Amino acid sequence: AIKLIATKLGVSKFTIYSYLEQIRVVDQSSSRTI
């Protein structure tokens, strides 16, 4: 059970990271800074 939870957290972390990377790329292409 613990392993399953850790896997789910890992996947969500990766998803959030990818999402943030996409936002950063969009900001760079639009020459905006946060």
PDB file of N, CA and C in Angstrom:
ATOM      1  N   ALA A   1       0.845  -1.212   0.000  1.00  0.00           N
ATOM      2  CA  ALA A   1       0.000   0.000   0.000  1.00  0.00           C
ATOM      3  C   ALA A   1       0.877   1.258   0.000  1.00  0.00           C
ATOM      4  N   ILE A   2       1.916   1.229   0.821  1.00  0.00           N
ATOM      5  CA  ILE A   2       2.810   2.402   0.889  1.00  0.00           C
ATOM      6  C   ILE A   2       3.479   2.627  -0.462  1.00  0.00           C
ATOM      7  N   LYS A   3       3.864   1.523  -1.099  1.00  0.00           N
ATOM      8  CA  LYS A   3       4.532   1.635  -2.400  1.00  0.00           C
ATOM      9  C   LYS A   3       3.591   2.253  -3.429  1.00  0.00           C
ATOM     10  N   LEU A   4       2.321   1.849  -3.364  1.00  0.00           N
ATOM     11  CA  LEU A   4       1.332   2.371  -4.306  1.00  0.00           C
ATOM     12  C   LEU A   4       1.156   3.872  -4.109  1.00  0.00           C
ATOM     13  N   ILE A   5       1.084   4.302  -2.847  1.00  0.00           N
ATOM     14  CA  ILE A   5       0.927   5.731  -2.556  1.00  0.00           C
ATOM     15  C   ILE A   5       2.150   6.498  -3.063  1.00  0.00           C
ATOM     16  N   ALA A   6       3.331   5.956  -2.810  1.00  0.00           N
ATOM     17  CA  ALA A   6       4.556   6.615  -3.255  1.00  0.00           C
ATOM     18  C   ALA A   6       4.570   6.737  -4.773  1.00  0.00           C
ATOM     19  N   THR A   7       4.093   5.691  -5.453  1.00  0.00           N
ATOM     20  CA  THR A   7       4.057   5.730  -6.915  1.00  0.00           C
ATOM     21  C   THR A   7       3.096   6.813  -7.384  1.00  0.00           C
ATOM     22  N   LYS A   8       1.942   6.903  -6.740  1.00  0.00           N
ATOM     23  CA  LYS A   8       0.963   7.920  -7.121  1.00  0.00           C
ATOM     24  C   LYS A   8       1.538   9.320  -6.905  1.00  0.00           C
ATOM     25  N   LEU A   9       2.231   9.513  -5.787  1.00  0.00           N
ATOM     26  CA  LEU A   9       2.844  10.812  -5.515  1.00  0.00           C
ATOM     27  C   LEU A   9       3.901  11.134  -6.562  1.00  0.00           C
ATOM     28  N   GLY A  10       4.682  10.133  -6.920  1.00  0.00           N
ATOM     29  CA  GLY A  10       5.724  10.329  -7.927  1.00  0.00           C
ATOM     30  C   GLY A  10       5.120  10.745  -9.256  1.00  0.00           C
ATOM     31  N   VAL A  11       4.022  10.101  -9.632  1.00  0.00           N
ATOM     32  CA  VAL A  11       3.365  10.425 -10.896  1.00  0.00           C
ATOM     33  C   VAL A  11       2.808  11.842 -10.850  1.00  0.00           C
ATOM     34  N   SER A  12       2.167  12.206  -9.747  1.00  0.00           N
ATOM     35  CA  SER A  12       1.584  13.542  -9.641  1.00  0.00           C
ATOM     36  C   SER A  12       2.683  14.603  -9.634  1.00  0.00           C
ATOM     37  N   LYS A  13       3.792  14.299  -8.963  1.00  0.00           N
ATOM     38  CA  LYS A  13       4.931  15.233  -8.965  1.00  0.00           C
ATOM     39  C   LYS A  13       5.424  15.455 -10.383  1.00  0.00           C
ATOM     40  N   PHE A  14       5.552  14.352 -11.132  1.00  0.00           N
ATOM     41  CA  PHE A  14       6.030  14.440 -12.513  1.00  0.00           C
ATOM     42  C   PHE A  14       5.057  15.233 -13.362  1.00  0.00           C
ATOM     43  N   THR A  15       3.750  15.023 -13.140  1.00  0.00           N
ATOM     44  CA  THR A  15       2.733  15.746 -13.902  1.00  0.00           C
ATOM     45  C   THR A  15       2.806  17.233 -13.602  1.00  0.00           C
ATOM     46  N   ILE A  16       2.931  17.580 -12.327  1.00  0.00           N
ATOM     47  CA  ILE A  16       3.026  18.987 -11.943  1.00  0.00           C
ATOM     48  C   ILE A  16       4.284  19.608 -12.544  1.00  0.00           C
ATOM     49  N   TYR A  17       5.397  18.866 -12.499  1.00  0.00           N
ATOM     50  CA  TYR A  17       6.651  19.376 -13.048  1.00  0.00           C
ATOM     51  C   TYR A  17       6.509  19.652 -14.544  1.00  0.00           C
ATOM     52  N   SER A  18       5.907  18.700 -15.260  1.00  0.00           N
ATOM     53  CA  SER A  18       5.715  18.874 -16.702  1.00  0.00           C
ATOM     54  C   SER A  18       4.825  20.080 -16.970  1.00  0.00           C
ATOM     55  N   TYR A  19       3.789  20.230 -16.155  1.00  0.00           N
ATOM     56  CA  TYR A  19       2.854  21.353 -16.316  1.00  0.00           C
ATOM     57  C   TYR A  19       3.590  22.686 -16.116  1.00  0.00           C
ATOM     58  N   LEU A  20       4.413  22.755 -15.072  1.00  0.00           N
ATOM     59  CA  LEU A  20       5.165  23.981 -14.809  1.00  0.00           C
ATOM     60  C   LEU A  20       6.156  24.262 -15.940  1.00  0.00           C
ATOM     61  N   GLU A  21       6.781  23.213 -16.457  1.00  0.00           N
ATOM     62  CA  GLU A  21       7.721  23.379 -17.573  1.00  0.00           C
ATOM     63  C   GLU A  21       7.004  23.958 -18.784  1.00  0.00           C
ATOM     64  N   GLN A  22       5.795  23.478 -19.067  1.00  0.00           N
ATOM     65  CA  GLN A  22       5.027  23.991 -20.202  1.00  0.00           C
ATOM     66  C   GLN A  22       4.723  25.468 -20.000  1.00  0.00           C
ATOM     67  N   ILE A  23       4.331  25.849 -18.787  1.00  0.00           N
ATOM     68  CA  ILE A  23       4.016  27.256 -18.507  1.00  0.00           C
ATOM     69  C   ILE A  23       5.260  28.113 -18.725  1.00  0.00           C
ATOM     70  N   ARG A  24       6.413  27.615 -18.243  1.00  0.00           N
ATOM     71  CA  ARG A  24       7.650  28.382 -18.374  1.00  0.00           C
ATOM     72  C   ARG A  24       8.008  28.570 -19.846  1.00  0.00           C
ATOM     73  N   VAL A  25       7.840  27.543 -20.644  1.00  0.00           N
ATOM     74  CA  VAL A  25       8.151  27.634 -22.067  1.00  0.00           C
ATOM     75  C   VAL A  25       7.225  28.658 -22.728  1.00  0.00           C
ATOM     76  N   VAL A  26       5.953  28.630 -22.378  1.00  0.00           N
ATOM     77  CA  VAL A  26       4.991  29.582 -22.940  1.00  0.00           C
ATOM     78  C   VAL A  26       5.387  30.995 -22.545  1.00  0.00           C
ATOM     79  N   ASP A  27       5.785  31.189 -21.282  1.00  0.00           N
ATOM     80  CA  ASP A  27       6.183  32.520 -20.824  1.00  0.00           C
ATOM     81  C   ASP A  27       7.419  33.006 -21.579  1.00  0.00           C
ATOM     82  N   GLN A  28       8.353  32.102 -21.834  1.00  0.00           N
ATOM     83  CA  GLN A  28       9.559  32.503 -22.560  1.00  0.00           C
ATOM     84  C   GLN A  28       9.212  32.913 -23.985  1.00  0.00           C
ATOM     85  N   SER A  29       8.297  32.170 -24.611  1.00  0.00           N
ATOM     86  CA  SER A  29       7.973  32.460 -26.013  1.00  0.00           C
ATOM     87  C   SER A  29       7.184  33.761 -26.117  1.00  0.00           C
ATOM     88  N   SER A  30       6.465  34.128 -25.056  1.00  0.00           N
ATOM     89  CA  SER A  30       5.685  35.362 -25.084  1.00  0.00           C
ATOM     90  C   SER A  30       6.465  36.510 -24.433  1.00  0.00           C
ATOM     91  N   SER A  31       7.738  36.223 -24.055  1.00  0.00           N
ATOM     92  CA  SER A  31       8.618  37.245 -23.480  1.00  0.00           C
ATOM     93  C   SER A  31       8.011  37.847 -22.216  1.00  0.00           C
ATOM     94  N   ARG A  32       7.392  37.005 -21.407  1.00  0.00           N
ATOM     95  CA  ARG A  32       6.832  37.477 -20.138  1.00  0.00           C
ATOM     96  C   ARG A  32       7.607  36.862 -18.997  1.00  0.00           C
ATOM     97  N   THR A  33       7.691  37.557 -17.867  1.00  0.00           N
ATOM     98  CA  THR A  33       8.362  37.010 -16.697  1.00  0.00           C
ATOM     99  C   THR A  33       7.388  36.996 -15.533  1.00  0.00           C
ATOM    100  N   ILE A  34       7.503  35.944 -14.713  1.00  0.00           N
ATOM    101  CA  ILE A  34       6.627  35.847 -13.543  1.00  0.00           C
ATOM    102  C   ILE A  34       7.396  36.318 -12.320  1.00  0.00           C
TER     103      ILE A  34
END
